Amino acid sequence: VQLQAFGGGLVQPGGSVKLSCVASRGAVSTLGMGWFRQAPGNVRDFVAGINWSGRSTEYADSVKGRFTISRDNAKNTVYLQMNSVNPEDTAVYYCGGLRKGWSTPRVRDYDYWGPGTLVTVSS
């Protein structure tokens, strides 16, 4: 499975952006999926995760109530809706896929990664 994140760009503080993670050469329908982010000089941090069916989600404390993860297995796509963004949300955002079917907050648990997309929050 190859994953590719899309949708980043320049966003004003307080604004919204929706990221997409599209899979190719395989289906995401059985994978747990996670969104992670990495700011310059930092490690890759967990943002949000969703299990294969979409019925179970989890979030980092820093984004709870602001970000929403969802998936459309028919479109082989996972989304991250980001609302009320602030400069601390500036990072490259990556999506990961986990064969076990559920998500975890640990980078090392994920089997598939792809290129990220840069989100810059600035006025």
N, C-alpha and C. Protein backbone atom coordinates (compact mmCIF):
# COMPACT_ATOMS: atom_id res chain seq x y z
N VAL A 1 0.84 -1.19 0.00
CA VAL A 1 0.00 0.00 0.00
C VAL A 1 0.88 1.24 0.00
N GLN A 2 0.57 2.14 -0.90
CA GLN A 2 1.28 3.42 -0.92
C GLN A 2 0.31 4.51 -0.49
N LEU A 3 0.79 5.36 0.39
CA LEU A 3 -0.05 6.43 0.93
C LEU A 3 0.51 7.79 0.52
N GLN A 4 -0.37 8.72 0.30
CA GLN A 4 0.04 10.06 -0.06
C GLN A 4 -0.90 11.05 0.61
N ALA A 5 -0.32 11.98 1.35
CA ALA A 5 -1.12 13.02 2.00
C ALA A 5 -1.22 14.25 1.11
N PHE A 6 -2.40 14.85 1.09
CA PHE A 6 -2.67 16.04 0.28
C PHE A 6 -3.40 17.08 1.13
N GLY A 7 -3.38 18.30 0.63
CA GLY A 7 -4.25 19.33 1.21
C GLY A 7 -3.59 20.38 2.05
N GLY A 8 -2.28 20.27 2.26
CA GLY A 8 -1.61 21.28 3.08
C GLY A 8 -1.48 22.60 2.35
N GLY A 9 -1.02 23.57 3.10
CA GLY A 9 -0.83 24.91 2.54
C GLY A 9 -0.74 25.93 3.64
N LEU A 10 -0.92 27.19 3.27
CA LEU A 10 -0.88 28.29 4.23
C LEU A 10 -2.29 28.55 4.75
N VAL A 11 -2.44 28.55 6.07
CA VAL A 11 -3.74 28.76 6.71
C VAL A 11 -3.58 29.85 7.76
N GLN A 12 -4.58 30.71 7.85
CA GLN A 12 -4.52 31.77 8.86
C GLN A 12 -4.91 31.21 10.23
N PRO A 13 -4.35 31.76 11.27
CA PRO A 13 -4.75 31.35 12.63
C PRO A 13 -6.26 31.45 12.80
N GLY A 14 -6.83 30.42 13.39
CA GLY A 14 -8.28 30.37 13.56
C GLY A 14 -9.01 29.77 12.38
N GLY A 15 -8.30 29.51 11.31
CA GLY A 15 -8.91 28.97 10.11
C GLY A 15 -9.00 27.45 10.12
N SER A 16 -9.39 26.91 8.97
CA SER A 16 -9.59 25.47 8.83
C SER A 16 -8.92 24.96 7.57
N VAL A 17 -8.58 23.70 7.61
CA VAL A 17 -8.04 23.02 6.44
C VAL A 17 -8.38 21.55 6.57
N LYS A 18 -8.57 20.88 5.44
CA LYS A 18 -8.89 19.45 5.44
C LYS A 18 -7.82 18.71 4.65
N LEU A 19 -7.17 17.79 5.32
CA LEU A 19 -6.16 16.97 4.69
C LEU A 19 -6.78 15.65 4.23
N SER A 20 -6.22 15.10 3.16
CA SER A 20 -6.64 13.80 2.65
C SER A 20 -5.44 12.88 2.56
N CYS A 21 -5.67 11.63 2.83
CA CYS A 21 -4.65 10.59 2.68
C CYS A 21 -5.23 9.56 1.72
N VAL A 22 -4.64 9.48 0.55
CA VAL A 22 -5.15 8.59 -0.49
C VAL A 22 -4.21 7.39 -0.63
N ALA A 23 -4.78 6.23 -0.72
CA ALA A 23 -4.01 5.00 -0.87
C ALA A 23 -4.03 4.53 -2.31
N SER A 24 -2.92 3.98 -2.73
CA SER A 24 -2.83 3.36 -4.04
C SER A 24 -2.11 2.02 -3.89
N ARG A 25 -2.19 1.17 -4.91
CA ARG A 25 -1.57 -0.15 -4.88
C ARG A 25 -2.01 -0.93 -3.65
N GLY A 26 -3.27 -0.80 -3.29
CA GLY A 26 -3.80 -1.52 -2.15
C GLY A 26 -4.96 -0.76 -1.55
N ALA A 27 -5.68 -1.43 -0.67
CA ALA A 27 -6.86 -0.81 -0.06
C ALA A 27 -6.59 -0.47 1.40
N VAL A 28 -7.24 0.58 1.86
CA VAL A 28 -7.10 0.96 3.27
C VAL A 28 -8.24 0.38 4.10
N SER A 29 -9.19 -0.30 3.48
CA SER A 29 -10.41 -0.70 4.18
C SER A 29 -10.17 -1.60 5.38
N THR A 30 -9.05 -2.30 5.41
CA THR A 30 -8.77 -3.18 6.56
C THR A 30 -7.69 -2.60 7.47
N LEU A 31 -7.17 -1.45 7.14
CA LEU A 31 -6.08 -0.86 7.90
C LEU A 31 -6.56 0.09 8.97
N GLY A 32 -5.91 0.07 10.13
CA GLY A 32 -6.02 1.18 11.04
C GLY A 32 -5.19 2.32 10.45
N MET A 33 -5.64 3.54 10.63
CA MET A 33 -4.96 4.67 10.03
C MET A 33 -4.68 5.75 11.08
N GLY A 34 -3.56 6.42 10.90
CA GLY A 34 -3.21 7.49 11.83
C GLY A 34 -2.66 8.69 11.10
N TRP A 35 -2.90 9.84 11.69
CA TRP A 35 -2.26 11.07 11.24
C TRP A 35 -1.21 11.46 12.27
N PHE A 36 -0.04 11.81 11.79
CA PHE A 36 1.06 12.26 12.62
C PHE A 36 1.57 13.58 12.05
N ARG A 37 2.34 14.30 12.84
CA ARG A 37 2.93 15.53 12.35
C ARG A 37 4.34 15.70 12.90
N GLN A 38 5.14 16.41 12.13
CA GLN A 38 6.52 16.63 12.52
C GLN A 38 6.89 18.07 12.22
N ALA A 39 7.16 18.83 13.27
CA ALA A 39 7.63 20.20 13.12
C ALA A 39 9.15 20.20 13.01
N PRO A 40 9.74 21.23 12.44
CA PRO A 40 11.20 21.27 12.29
C PRO A 40 11.90 21.06 13.61
N GLY A 41 12.85 20.14 13.61
CA GLY A 41 13.62 19.87 14.82
C GLY A 41 12.94 18.99 15.84
N ASN A 42 11.72 18.56 15.53
CA ASN A 42 10.96 17.73 16.47
C ASN A 42 10.81 16.31 15.95
N VAL A 43 10.39 15.42 16.83
CA VAL A 43 10.07 14.06 16.42
C VAL A 43 8.67 14.04 15.82
N ARG A 44 8.35 12.93 15.20
CA ARG A 44 7.03 12.75 14.61
C ARG A 44 6.03 12.41 15.73
N ASP A 45 5.02 13.23 15.87
CA ASP A 45 4.05 13.08 16.95
C ASP A 45 2.70 12.62 16.43
N PHE A 46 2.03 11.84 17.25
CA PHE A 46 0.67 11.37 16.95
C PHE A 46 -0.30 12.53 17.00
N VAL A 47 -1.24 12.53 16.05
CA VAL A 47 -2.29 13.55 16.02
C VAL A 47 -3.66 12.90 16.22
N ALA A 48 -3.96 11.91 15.38
CA ALA A 48 -5.29 11.28 15.45
C ALA A 48 -5.22 9.90 14.81
N GLY A 49 -6.10 9.01 15.24
CA GLY A 49 -6.15 7.67 14.68
C GLY A 49 -7.57 7.18 14.53
N ILE A 50 -7.76 6.22 13.63
CA ILE A 50 -9.08 5.68 13.38
C ILE A 50 -8.95 4.19 13.03
N ASN A 51 -9.90 3.39 13.53
CA ASN A 51 -9.80 1.97 13.23
C ASN A 51 -10.37 1.69 11.84
N TRP A 52 -10.30 0.44 11.41
CA TRP A 52 -10.63 0.10 10.03
C TRP A 52 -12.07 0.45 9.68
N SER A 53 -12.98 0.34 10.63
CA SER A 53 -14.39 0.58 10.32
C SER A 53 -14.78 2.05 10.46
N GLY A 54 -13.96 2.81 11.14
CA GLY A 54 -14.31 4.19 11.41
C GLY A 54 -15.08 4.40 12.69
N ARG A 55 -15.38 3.32 13.41
CA ARG A 55 -16.21 3.43 14.61
C ARG A 55 -15.41 3.87 15.83
N SER A 56 -14.10 3.74 15.75
CA SER A 56 -13.26 4.09 16.90
C SER A 56 -12.21 5.10 16.47
N THR A 57 -12.14 6.20 17.21
CA THR A 57 -11.14 7.22 16.92
C THR A 57 -10.42 7.62 18.21
N GLU A 58 -9.24 8.18 18.06
CA GLU A 58 -8.49 8.69 19.20
C GLU A 58 -7.73 9.93 18.75
N TYR A 59 -7.45 10.80 19.74
CA TYR A 59 -6.81 12.08 19.42
C TYR A 59 -5.76 12.44 20.46
N ALA A 60 -4.75 13.15 20.01
CA ALA A 60 -3.82 13.76 20.94
C ALA A 60 -4.55 14.86 21.71
N ASP A 61 -4.15 15.06 22.95
CA ASP A 61 -4.82 16.08 23.77
C ASP A 61 -4.76 17.46 23.13
N SER A 62 -3.69 17.73 22.44
CA SER A 62 -3.49 19.06 21.86
C SER A 62 -4.46 19.40 20.73
N VAL A 63 -5.12 18.38 20.17
CA VAL A 63 -6.02 18.64 19.04
C VAL A 63 -7.47 18.26 19.33
N LYS A 64 -7.73 17.67 20.50
CA LYS A 64 -9.11 17.27 20.83
C LYS A 64 -10.05 18.46 20.76
N GLY A 65 -11.18 18.24 20.13
CA GLY A 65 -12.17 19.30 19.99
C GLY A 65 -11.93 20.22 18.81
N ARG A 66 -10.77 20.10 18.19
CA ARG A 66 -10.45 20.96 17.04
C ARG A 66 -10.30 20.16 15.76
N PHE A 67 -9.72 18.96 15.85
CA PHE A 67 -9.46 18.13 14.68
C PHE A 67 -10.42 16.94 14.68
N THR A 68 -10.77 16.48 13.48
CA THR A 68 -11.61 15.31 13.33
C THR A 68 -11.05 14.41 12.25
N ILE A 69 -10.85 13.14 12.61
CA ILE A 69 -10.39 12.15 11.64
C ILE A 69 -11.60 11.35 11.16
N SER A 70 -11.61 11.03 9.87
CA SER A 70 -12.69 10.25 9.30
C SER A 70 -12.14 9.46 8.12
N ARG A 71 -12.95 8.56 7.61
CA ARG A 71 -12.49 7.75 6.49
C ARG A 71 -13.65 7.40 5.57
N ASP A 72 -13.31 7.19 4.30
CA ASP A 72 -14.26 6.72 3.31
C ASP A 72 -13.57 5.55 2.60
N ASN A 73 -13.87 4.35 3.07
CA ASN A 73 -13.18 3.18 2.52
C ASN A 73 -13.49 2.97 1.05
N ALA A 74 -14.66 3.37 0.63
CA ALA A 74 -15.02 3.23 -0.79
C ALA A 74 -14.13 4.09 -1.68
N LYS A 75 -13.64 5.19 -1.12
CA LYS A 75 -12.75 6.08 -1.87
C LYS A 75 -11.29 5.87 -1.51
N ASN A 76 -11.03 4.88 -0.65
CA ASN A 76 -9.65 4.58 -0.26
C ASN A 76 -8.96 5.81 0.34
N THR A 77 -9.70 6.57 1.13
CA THR A 77 -9.21 7.85 1.61
C THR A 77 -9.52 8.04 3.08
N VAL A 78 -8.56 8.65 3.77
CA VAL A 78 -8.75 9.05 5.16
C VAL A 78 -8.55 10.56 5.23
N TYR A 79 -9.33 11.21 6.08
CA TYR A 79 -9.31 12.67 6.15
C TYR A 79 -8.91 13.16 7.53
N LEU A 80 -8.41 14.37 7.56
CA LEU A 80 -8.19 15.06 8.83
C LEU A 80 -8.72 16.48 8.67
N GLN A 81 -9.85 16.74 9.31
CA GLN A 81 -10.41 18.09 9.32
C GLN A 81 -9.80 18.86 10.47
N MET A 82 -9.14 19.96 10.16
CA MET A 82 -8.45 20.76 11.16
C MET A 82 -9.14 22.11 11.29
N ASN A 83 -9.69 22.38 12.45
CA ASN A 83 -10.38 23.65 12.71
C ASN A 83 -9.65 24.42 13.80
N SER A 84 -9.90 25.71 13.84
CA SER A 84 -9.31 26.57 14.88
C SER A 84 -7.80 26.35 15.00
N VAL A 85 -7.14 26.34 13.87
CA VAL A 85 -5.70 26.07 13.88
C VAL A 85 -4.94 27.24 14.49
N ASN A 86 -3.78 26.94 15.01
CA ASN A 86 -2.89 27.95 15.58
C ASN A 86 -1.47 27.69 15.10
N PRO A 87 -0.57 28.63 15.30
CA PRO A 87 0.80 28.46 14.78
C PRO A 87 1.48 27.18 15.26
N GLU A 88 1.09 26.69 16.43
CA GLU A 88 1.69 25.45 16.94
C GLU A 88 1.29 24.22 16.13
N ASP A 89 0.31 24.37 15.27
CA ASP A 89 -0.10 23.27 14.40
C ASP A 89 0.75 23.20 13.13
N THR A 90 1.64 24.14 12.94
CA THR A 90 2.51 24.15 11.77
C THR A 90 3.44 22.94 11.79
N ALA A 91 3.40 22.15 10.74
CA ALA A 91 4.20 20.92 10.68
C ALA A 91 3.96 20.25 9.33
N VAL A 92 4.78 19.26 9.05
CA VAL A 92 4.50 18.34 7.95
C VAL A 92 3.61 17.24 8.52
N TYR A 93 2.50 17.01 7.86
CA TYR A 93 1.53 16.00 8.32
C TYR A 93 1.66 14.74 7.47
N TYR A 94 1.74 13.60 8.16
CA TYR A 94 1.89 12.31 7.52
C TYR A 94 0.72 11.40 7.90
N CYS A 95 0.38 10.50 7.00
CA CYS A 95 -0.58 9.46 7.35
C CYS A 95 0.13 8.12 7.35
N GLY A 96 -0.27 7.28 8.28
CA GLY A 96 0.29 5.95 8.40
C GLY A 96 -0.80 4.90 8.38
N GLY A 97 -0.46 3.70 7.93
CA GLY A 97 -1.40 2.59 7.89
C GLY A 97 -0.88 1.43 8.72
N LEU A 98 -1.80 0.79 9.44
CA LEU A 98 -1.45 -0.28 10.35
C LEU A 98 -2.24 -1.53 9.98
N ARG A 99 -1.53 -2.62 9.65
CA ARG A 99 -2.20 -3.84 9.19
C ARG A 99 -3.13 -4.44 10.24
N LYS A 100 -2.86 -4.19 11.51
CA LYS A 100 -3.68 -4.81 12.55
C LYS A 100 -5.12 -4.33 12.55
N GLY A 101 -5.38 -3.20 11.91
CA GLY A 101 -6.75 -2.75 11.78
C GLY A 101 -7.20 -1.70 12.77
N TRP A 102 -6.36 -1.41 13.76
CA TRP A 102 -6.68 -0.34 14.69
C TRP A 102 -5.55 0.66 14.70
N SER A 103 -5.71 1.78 15.34
CA SER A 103 -4.66 2.79 15.37
C SER A 103 -3.97 2.76 16.73
N THR A 104 -2.75 3.23 16.75
CA THR A 104 -2.02 3.45 17.99
C THR A 104 -1.29 4.79 17.89
N PRO A 105 -0.86 5.35 18.99
CA PRO A 105 -0.12 6.61 18.92
C PRO A 105 1.38 6.42 18.68
N ARG A 106 1.83 5.21 18.42
CA ARG A 106 3.27 4.94 18.29
C ARG A 106 3.67 4.83 16.83
N VAL A 107 4.61 5.63 16.44
CA VAL A 107 5.10 5.64 15.06
C VAL A 107 5.59 4.26 14.64
N ARG A 108 6.29 3.58 15.54
CA ARG A 108 6.93 2.31 15.17
C ARG A 108 5.92 1.20 14.89
N ASP A 109 4.67 1.37 15.29
CA ASP A 109 3.67 0.34 15.06
C ASP A 109 3.14 0.32 13.64
N TYR A 110 3.36 1.38 12.90
CA TYR A 110 2.74 1.51 11.58
C TYR A 110 3.55 0.83 10.50
N ASP A 111 2.84 0.20 9.58
CA ASP A 111 3.47 -0.58 8.52
C ASP A 111 3.68 0.23 7.24
N TYR A 112 2.86 1.22 7.02
CA TYR A 112 2.90 1.96 5.77
C TYR A 112 2.95 3.46 6.05
N TRP A 113 3.76 4.14 5.30
CA TRP A 113 3.87 5.61 5.36
C TRP A 113 3.99 6.15 3.95
N GLY A 114 3.73 7.41 3.83
CA GLY A 114 3.94 8.07 2.55
C GLY A 114 4.45 9.48 2.76
N PRO A 115 4.71 10.19 1.69
CA PRO A 115 5.15 11.58 1.80
C PRO A 115 4.11 12.42 2.52
N GLY A 116 4.57 13.37 3.29
CA GLY A 116 3.66 14.22 4.02
C GLY A 116 3.27 15.46 3.25
N THR A 117 2.43 16.27 3.89
CA THR A 117 2.01 17.55 3.32
C THR A 117 2.21 18.63 4.37
N LEU A 118 2.76 19.76 3.95
CA LEU A 118 3.11 20.82 4.88
C LEU A 118 1.91 21.72 5.14
N VAL A 119 1.62 21.92 6.42
CA VAL A 119 0.62 22.89 6.85
C VAL A 119 1.34 24.00 7.60
N THR A 120 1.16 25.21 7.12
CA THR A 120 1.77 26.37 7.77
C THR A 120 0.65 27.29 8.25
N VAL A 121 0.63 27.54 9.55
CA VAL A 121 -0.38 28.42 10.13
C VAL A 121 0.29 29.75 10.46
N SER A 122 -0.10 30.76 9.70
CA SER A 122 0.51 32.07 9.86
C SER A 122 -0.39 33.13 9.26
N SER A 123 -0.31 34.33 9.83
CA SER A 123 -1.06 35.44 9.27
C SER A 123 -0.19 36.25 8.32
